[in-house]
């Protein structure tokens, strides 16, 4: 009987060794898979970081272009406004000179026109009285 127990013990030991070996191999495979997954995740993170960096650079370049275009449009608008102001100022100066010259040449007509304009404005401002 002791030989039978010894044989059973040996078989159990062999089975335990085989199971331990199988578990060790499984752990090795699991470690390998985890290592591969970690490597892939690391690579994906690097790719995402590189993509974010490129996107950031593109946004920065677009903002710089937009700023340049806006600055150019502002400069053009400013120049046009200055030109328009100068032109209007010159036109008003010419009109003032023309009116002064007309009044000097035709004082009677100028006074009658002023009286007529004053009368019409007075009627408009006074309105209707009921």
N, C-alpha and C. Protein backbone atom coordinates (compact mmCIF):
# COMPACT_ATOMS: atom_id res chain seq x y z
N UNK A 1 0.78 -1.15 0.00
CA UNK A 1 0.00 0.00 0.00
C UNK A 1 0.85 1.26 0.00
N UNK A 2 1.90 1.20 0.65
CA UNK A 2 2.77 2.35 0.70
C UNK A 2 3.34 2.66 -0.67
N UNK A 3 3.54 1.61 -1.49
CA UNK A 3 3.99 1.87 -2.87
C UNK A 3 2.90 2.58 -3.65
N UNK A 4 1.65 2.17 -3.38
CA UNK A 4 0.55 2.82 -4.06
C UNK A 4 0.45 4.28 -3.65
N UNK A 5 0.60 4.55 -2.37
CA UNK A 5 0.55 5.93 -1.88
C UNK A 5 1.70 6.74 -2.47
N UNK A 6 2.87 6.07 -2.56
CA UNK A 6 4.03 6.75 -3.13
C UNK A 6 3.77 7.06 -4.59
N UNK A 7 3.18 6.10 -5.32
CA UNK A 7 2.87 6.32 -6.73
C UNK A 7 1.84 7.44 -6.89
N UNK A 8 0.86 7.43 -6.03
CA UNK A 8 -0.18 8.48 -6.08
C UNK A 8 0.46 9.83 -5.77
N UNK A 9 1.34 9.88 -4.76
CA UNK A 9 2.03 11.10 -4.39
C UNK A 9 2.89 11.62 -5.53
N UNK A 10 3.58 10.65 -6.20
CA UNK A 10 4.42 11.03 -7.34
C UNK A 10 3.55 11.61 -8.47
N UNK A 11 2.41 10.96 -8.69
CA UNK A 11 1.51 11.45 -9.75
C UNK A 11 0.99 12.84 -9.40
N UNK A 12 0.62 13.04 -8.14
CA UNK A 12 0.12 14.34 -7.70
C UNK A 12 1.23 15.37 -7.85
N UNK A 13 2.45 14.99 -7.49
CA UNK A 13 3.58 15.91 -7.62
C UNK A 13 3.82 16.26 -9.08
N UNK A 14 3.73 15.25 -9.94
CA UNK A 14 3.92 15.47 -11.39
C UNK A 14 2.82 16.40 -11.92
N UNK A 15 1.58 16.13 -11.48
CA UNK A 15 0.46 16.98 -11.91
C UNK A 15 0.65 18.41 -11.40
N UNK A 16 1.12 18.54 -10.16
CA UNK A 16 1.35 19.87 -9.58
C UNK A 16 2.45 20.59 -10.35
N UNK A 17 3.53 19.84 -10.70
CA UNK A 17 4.62 20.45 -11.48
C UNK A 17 4.11 20.90 -12.84
N UNK A 18 3.30 20.05 -13.48
CA UNK A 18 2.76 20.38 -14.80
C UNK A 18 1.84 21.59 -14.70
N UNK A 19 1.03 21.60 -13.64
CA UNK A 19 0.12 22.73 -13.45
C UNK A 19 0.92 24.01 -13.18
N UNK A 20 1.98 23.89 -12.37
CA UNK A 20 2.81 25.05 -12.07
C UNK A 20 3.49 25.55 -13.33
N UNK A 21 3.97 24.59 -14.15
CA UNK A 21 4.62 24.95 -15.39
C UNK A 21 3.61 25.65 -16.31
N UNK A 22 2.38 25.11 -16.37
CA UNK A 22 1.34 25.69 -17.20
C UNK A 22 0.97 27.09 -16.71
N UNK A 23 0.86 27.23 -15.39
CA UNK A 23 0.56 28.54 -14.81
C UNK A 23 1.69 29.52 -15.12
N UNK A 24 2.93 29.07 -14.99
CA UNK A 24 4.09 29.92 -15.29
C UNK A 24 4.08 30.36 -16.74
N UNK A 25 3.78 29.42 -17.65
CA UNK A 25 3.71 29.75 -19.07
C UNK A 25 2.58 30.76 -19.32
N UNK A 26 1.44 30.53 -18.65
CA UNK A 26 0.30 31.45 -18.77
C UNK A 26 0.67 32.84 -18.28
N UNK A 27 1.40 32.88 -17.15
CA UNK A 27 1.83 34.18 -16.62
C UNK A 27 2.81 34.86 -17.58
N UNK A 28 3.71 34.07 -18.16
CA UNK A 28 4.65 34.63 -19.13
C UNK A 28 3.91 35.21 -20.34
N UNK A 29 2.91 34.44 -20.83
CA UNK A 29 2.12 34.93 -21.97
C UNK A 29 1.36 36.19 -21.57
N UNK A 30 0.79 36.20 -20.38
CA UNK A 30 0.04 37.37 -19.91
C UNK A 30 0.97 38.58 -19.80
N UNK A 31 2.19 38.36 -19.25
CA UNK A 31 3.17 39.45 -19.15
C UNK A 31 3.51 39.98 -20.54
N UNK A 32 3.69 39.06 -21.47
CA UNK A 32 4.03 39.44 -22.84
C UNK A 32 2.90 40.26 -23.47
N UNK A 33 1.66 39.79 -23.27
CA UNK A 33 0.51 40.51 -23.82
C UNK A 33 0.37 41.89 -23.18
N UNK A 34 0.55 41.95 -21.85
CA UNK A 34 0.48 43.24 -21.16
C UNK A 34 1.58 44.17 -21.66
N UNK A 35 2.75 43.63 -21.87
CA UNK A 35 3.86 44.41 -22.37
C UNK A 35 3.55 44.95 -23.76
N UNK A 36 3.00 44.11 -24.64
CA UNK A 36 2.62 44.54 -25.98
C UNK A 36 1.55 45.62 -25.92
N UNK A 37 0.56 45.40 -25.05
CA UNK A 37 -0.53 46.38 -24.91
C UNK A 37 0.02 47.72 -24.41
N UNK A 38 0.92 47.64 -23.42
CA UNK A 38 1.52 48.87 -22.89
C UNK A 38 2.32 49.59 -23.97
N UNK A 39 3.03 48.82 -24.78
CA UNK A 39 3.80 49.40 -25.87
C UNK A 39 2.87 50.07 -26.88
N UNK A 40 1.78 49.41 -27.24
CA UNK A 40 0.81 49.98 -28.17
C UNK A 40 0.19 51.25 -27.61
N UNK A 41 -0.19 51.20 -26.33
CA UNK A 41 -0.78 52.37 -25.68
C UNK A 41 0.22 53.52 -25.68
N UNK A 42 1.47 53.22 -25.36
CA UNK A 42 2.51 54.25 -25.38
C UNK A 42 2.68 54.86 -26.76
N UNK A 43 2.66 54.00 -27.79
CA UNK A 43 2.80 54.49 -29.17
C UNK A 43 1.60 55.35 -29.55
N UNK A 44 0.40 54.89 -29.17
CA UNK A 44 -0.81 55.67 -29.46
C UNK A 44 -0.74 57.03 -28.77
N UNK A 45 -0.27 57.05 -27.53
CA UNK A 45 -0.14 58.31 -26.79
C UNK A 45 0.84 59.23 -27.50
N UNK A 46 1.95 58.68 -27.99
CA UNK A 46 2.92 59.50 -28.73
C UNK A 46 2.30 60.04 -30.01
N UNK A 47 1.54 59.18 -30.72
CA UNK A 47 0.88 59.61 -31.95
C UNK A 47 -0.13 60.73 -31.68
N UNK A 48 -0.90 60.55 -30.61
CA UNK A 48 -1.88 61.58 -30.24
C UNK A 48 -1.17 62.87 -29.87
N UNK A 49 -0.08 62.76 -29.12
CA UNK A 49 0.69 63.95 -28.76
C UNK A 49 1.24 64.66 -29.99
N UNK A 50 1.75 63.88 -30.94
CA UNK A 50 2.28 64.47 -32.17
C UNK A 50 1.15 65.13 -32.96
N UNK A 51 0.00 64.47 -33.02
CA UNK A 51 -1.15 65.04 -33.72
C UNK A 51 -1.62 66.32 -33.05
N UNK A 52 -1.66 66.33 -31.74
CA UNK A 52 -2.05 67.53 -31.01
C UNK A 52 -1.05 68.66 -31.25
N UNK A 53 0.20 68.31 -31.30
CA UNK A 53 1.23 69.32 -31.55
C UNK A 53 1.06 69.91 -32.95
N UNK A 54 0.80 69.05 -33.93
CA UNK A 54 0.58 69.54 -35.31
C UNK A 54 -0.66 70.42 -35.36
N UNK A 55 -1.72 69.99 -34.70
CA UNK A 55 -2.96 70.77 -34.70
C UNK A 55 -2.73 72.12 -34.02
N UNK A 56 -2.00 72.12 -32.94
CA UNK A 56 -1.69 73.36 -32.23
C UNK A 56 -0.89 74.30 -33.13
N UNK A 57 0.06 73.76 -33.84
CA UNK A 57 0.87 74.57 -34.76
C UNK A 57 0.00 75.13 -35.88
N UNK A 58 -0.91 74.31 -36.41
CA UNK A 58 -1.80 74.79 -37.48
C UNK A 58 -2.72 75.90 -36.97
N UNK A 59 -3.23 75.74 -35.75
CA UNK A 59 -4.09 76.78 -35.18
C UNK A 59 -3.29 78.06 -35.00
N UNK A 60 -2.07 77.94 -34.53
CA UNK A 60 -1.22 79.12 -34.33
C UNK A 60 -0.96 79.82 -35.66
N UNK A 61 -0.64 79.05 -36.70
CA UNK A 61 -0.39 79.63 -38.02
C UNK A 61 -1.65 80.30 -38.57
N UNK A 62 -2.81 79.66 -38.38
CA UNK A 62 -4.07 80.25 -38.85
C UNK A 62 -4.36 81.55 -38.11
N UNK A 63 -4.12 81.56 -36.82
CA UNK A 63 -4.34 82.78 -36.04
C UNK A 63 -3.41 83.90 -36.50
N UNK A 64 -2.16 83.56 -36.81
CA UNK A 64 -1.22 84.57 -37.29
C UNK A 64 -1.67 85.12 -38.65
N UNK A 65 -2.14 84.23 -39.53
CA UNK A 65 -2.62 84.68 -40.84
C UNK A 65 -3.84 85.58 -40.67
N UNK A 66 -4.77 85.18 -39.80
CA UNK A 66 -5.97 85.99 -39.57
C UNK A 66 -5.60 87.35 -38.99
N UNK A 67 -4.64 87.36 -38.10
CA UNK A 67 -4.18 88.62 -37.51
C UNK A 67 -3.58 89.53 -38.57
N UNK A 68 -2.78 88.96 -39.46
CA UNK A 68 -2.17 89.74 -40.54
C UNK A 68 -3.23 90.31 -41.47
N UNK A 69 -4.20 89.48 -41.85
CA UNK A 69 -5.27 89.93 -42.73
C UNK A 69 -6.08 91.03 -42.06
N UNK A 70 -6.41 90.84 -40.78
CA UNK A 70 -7.18 91.85 -40.05
C UNK A 70 -6.41 93.17 -39.97
N UNK A 71 -5.12 93.07 -39.71
CA UNK A 71 -4.29 94.28 -39.62
C UNK A 71 -4.27 95.00 -40.97
N UNK A 72 -4.14 94.24 -42.08
CA UNK A 72 -4.14 94.85 -43.41
C UNK A 72 -5.49 95.51 -43.71
N UNK A 73 -6.59 94.84 -43.38
CA UNK A 73 -7.92 95.41 -43.61
C UNK A 73 -8.11 96.68 -42.78
N UNK A 74 -7.63 96.66 -41.53
CA UNK A 74 -7.73 97.84 -40.67
C UNK A 74 -6.94 98.99 -41.28
N UNK A 75 -5.74 98.71 -41.76
CA UNK A 75 -4.92 99.77 -42.37
C UNK A 75 -5.60 100.36 -43.59
N UNK A 76 -6.19 99.51 -44.44
CA UNK A 76 -6.90 100.00 -45.63
C UNK A 76 -8.09 100.86 -45.22
N UNK A 77 -8.87 100.39 -44.24
CA UNK A 77 -10.04 101.14 -43.78
C UNK A 77 -9.61 102.48 -43.19
N UNK A 78 -8.52 102.48 -42.45
CA UNK A 78 -8.00 103.70 -41.84
C UNK A 78 -7.60 104.70 -42.92
N UNK A 79 -6.89 104.20 -43.94
CA UNK A 79 -6.47 105.08 -45.03
C UNK A 79 -7.68 105.67 -45.76
N UNK A 80 -8.71 104.84 -46.00
CA UNK A 80 -9.90 105.32 -46.68
C UNK A 80 -10.63 106.36 -45.83
N UNK A 81 -10.69 106.14 -44.52
CA UNK A 81 -11.35 107.09 -43.64
C UNK A 81 -10.61 108.43 -43.63
N UNK A 82 -9.29 108.36 -43.58
CA UNK A 82 -8.50 109.60 -43.60
C UNK A 82 -8.70 110.32 -44.93
N UNK A 83 -8.69 109.57 -46.03
CA UNK A 83 -8.90 110.16 -47.35
C UNK A 83 -10.28 110.80 -47.43
N UNK A 84 -11.30 110.10 -46.95
CA UNK A 84 -12.67 110.63 -46.98
C UNK A 84 -12.80 111.89 -46.13
N UNK A 85 -12.19 111.89 -44.96
CA UNK A 85 -12.24 113.07 -44.09
C UNK A 85 -11.55 114.26 -44.76
N UNK A 86 -10.37 114.00 -45.32
CA UNK A 86 -9.64 115.08 -46.00
C UNK A 86 -10.45 115.63 -47.17
N UNK A 87 -11.06 114.75 -47.94
CA UNK A 87 -11.86 115.17 -49.10
C UNK A 87 -13.07 115.99 -48.64
N UNK A 88 -13.77 115.51 -47.62
CA UNK A 88 -14.94 116.23 -47.11
C UNK A 88 -14.52 117.59 -46.56
N UNK A 89 -13.41 117.63 -45.87
CA UNK A 89 -12.91 118.89 -45.32
C UNK A 89 -12.61 119.88 -46.43
N UNK A 90 -11.95 119.40 -47.50
CA UNK A 90 -11.65 120.27 -48.64
C UNK A 90 -12.92 120.72 -49.33
N UNK A 91 -13.89 119.80 -49.46
CA UNK A 91 -15.16 120.16 -50.10
C UNK A 91 -15.89 121.23 -49.30
N UNK A 92 -15.89 121.10 -47.99
CA UNK A 92 -16.54 122.09 -47.13
C UNK A 92 -15.82 123.43 -47.24
N UNK A 93 -14.49 123.38 -47.27
CA UNK A 93 -13.72 124.62 -47.43
C UNK A 93 -14.06 125.30 -48.75
N UNK A 94 -14.13 124.53 -49.83
CA UNK A 94 -14.48 125.08 -51.14
C UNK A 94 -15.89 125.65 -51.13
N UNK A 95 -16.84 124.93 -50.51
CA UNK A 95 -18.22 125.40 -50.43
C UNK A 95 -18.30 126.71 -49.66
N UNK A 96 -17.56 126.78 -48.55
CA UNK A 96 -17.54 128.01 -47.75
C UNK A 96 -16.98 129.17 -48.57
N UNK A 97 -15.91 128.92 -49.29
CA UNK A 97 -15.34 129.96 -50.14
C UNK A 97 -16.31 130.40 -51.22
N UNK A 98 -17.01 129.42 -51.84
CA UNK A 98 -17.97 129.74 -52.89
C UNK A 98 -19.13 130.56 -52.34
N UNK A 99 -19.65 130.19 -51.15
CA UNK A 99 -20.75 130.93 -50.54
C UNK A 99 -20.30 132.35 -50.20
N UNK A 100 -19.11 132.48 -49.62
CA UNK A 100 -18.60 133.82 -49.28
C UNK A 100 -18.46 134.68 -50.54
N UNK A 101 -17.96 134.09 -51.60
CA UNK A 101 -17.79 134.83 -52.85
C UNK A 101 -19.14 135.26 -53.43
N UNK A 102 -20.14 134.35 -53.38
CA UNK A 102 -21.46 134.66 -53.89
C UNK A 102 -22.09 135.79 -53.08
N UNK A 103 -21.94 135.74 -51.76
CA UNK A 103 -22.51 136.78 -50.90
C UNK A 103 -21.84 138.12 -51.19
N UNK A 104 -20.53 138.12 -51.40
CA UNK A 104 -19.83 139.38 -51.73
C UNK A 104 -20.30 139.93 -53.08
N UNK A 105 -20.52 139.03 -54.04
CA UNK A 105 -20.93 139.47 -55.37
C UNK A 105 -22.41 139.85 -55.43
N UNK A 106 -23.25 139.20 -54.63
CA UNK A 106 -24.70 139.42 -54.66
C UNK A 106 -25.25 139.60 -53.25
N UNK A 107 -24.97 140.71 -52.59
CA UNK A 107 -25.42 140.87 -51.20
C UNK A 107 -26.95 140.95 -51.07
N UNK A 108 -27.62 141.57 -52.00
CA UNK A 108 -29.07 141.70 -51.92
C UNK A 108 -29.76 140.35 -52.03
N UNK A 109 -29.36 139.57 -53.01
CA UNK A 109 -29.94 138.23 -53.18
C UNK A 109 -29.67 137.37 -51.96
N UNK A 110 -28.47 137.48 -51.41
CA UNK A 110 -28.09 136.67 -50.25
C UNK A 110 -28.98 137.00 -49.06
N UNK A 111 -29.25 138.30 -48.85
CA UNK A 111 -30.11 138.70 -47.72
C UNK A 111 -31.53 138.21 -47.95
N UNK A 112 -32.05 138.34 -49.15
CA UNK A 112 -33.41 137.86 -49.43
C UNK A 112 -33.50 136.34 -49.26
N UNK A 113 -32.48 135.63 -49.69
CA UNK A 113 -32.48 134.16 -49.51
C UNK A 113 -32.45 133.81 -48.03
N UNK A 114 -31.66 134.52 -47.25
CA UNK A 114 -31.58 134.25 -45.81
C UNK A 114 -32.91 134.53 -45.14
N UNK A 115 -33.58 135.61 -45.53
CA UNK A 115 -34.89 135.94 -44.95
C UNK A 115 -35.90 134.85 -45.34
N UNK A 116 -35.89 134.42 -46.58
CA UNK A 116 -36.82 133.39 -47.03
C UNK A 116 -36.60 132.07 -46.30
N UNK A 117 -35.36 131.68 -46.18
CA UNK A 117 -35.05 130.43 -45.47
C UNK A 117 -35.46 130.53 -44.01
N UNK A 118 -35.21 131.70 -43.39
CA UNK A 118 -35.61 131.90 -41.99
C UNK A 118 -37.11 131.82 -41.81
N UNK A 119 -37.86 132.43 -42.77
CA UNK A 119 -39.31 132.40 -42.69
C UNK A 119 -39.84 130.96 -42.79
N UNK A 120 -39.32 130.21 -43.75
CA UNK A 120 -39.77 128.82 -43.93
C UNK A 120 -39.42 127.99 -42.69
N UNK A 121 -38.22 128.15 -42.17
CA UNK A 121 -37.84 127.40 -40.96
C UNK A 121 -38.73 127.78 -39.78
N UNK A 122 -39.07 129.06 -39.67
CA UNK A 122 -39.96 129.50 -38.60
C UNK A 122 -41.32 128.84 -38.69
N UNK A 123 -41.85 128.75 -39.92
CA UNK A 123 -43.14 128.09 -40.10
C UNK A 123 -43.06 126.60 -39.74
N UNK A 124 -41.99 125.99 -40.15
CA UNK A 124 -41.84 124.56 -39.85
C UNK A 124 -41.70 124.30 -38.35
N UNK A 125 -40.97 125.14 -37.70
CA UNK A 125 -40.73 124.93 -36.26
C UNK A 125 -41.99 125.26 -35.46
N UNK A 126 -42.68 126.35 -35.84
CA UNK A 126 -43.86 126.77 -35.11
C UNK A 126 -44.95 125.74 -35.17
N UNK A 127 -45.14 125.15 -36.33
CA UNK A 127 -46.19 124.15 -36.49
C UNK A 127 -47.56 124.76 -36.58
N UNK A 128 -48.57 123.92 -36.50
CA UNK A 128 -49.95 124.39 -36.60
C UNK A 128 -50.51 124.68 -35.22
N UNK A 129 -51.22 125.77 -35.12
CA UNK A 129 -51.92 126.08 -33.86
C UNK A 129 -53.40 125.86 -34.07
N UNK A 130 -53.95 125.06 -33.23
CA UNK A 130 -55.40 124.75 -33.35
C UNK A 130 -56.22 125.68 -32.53
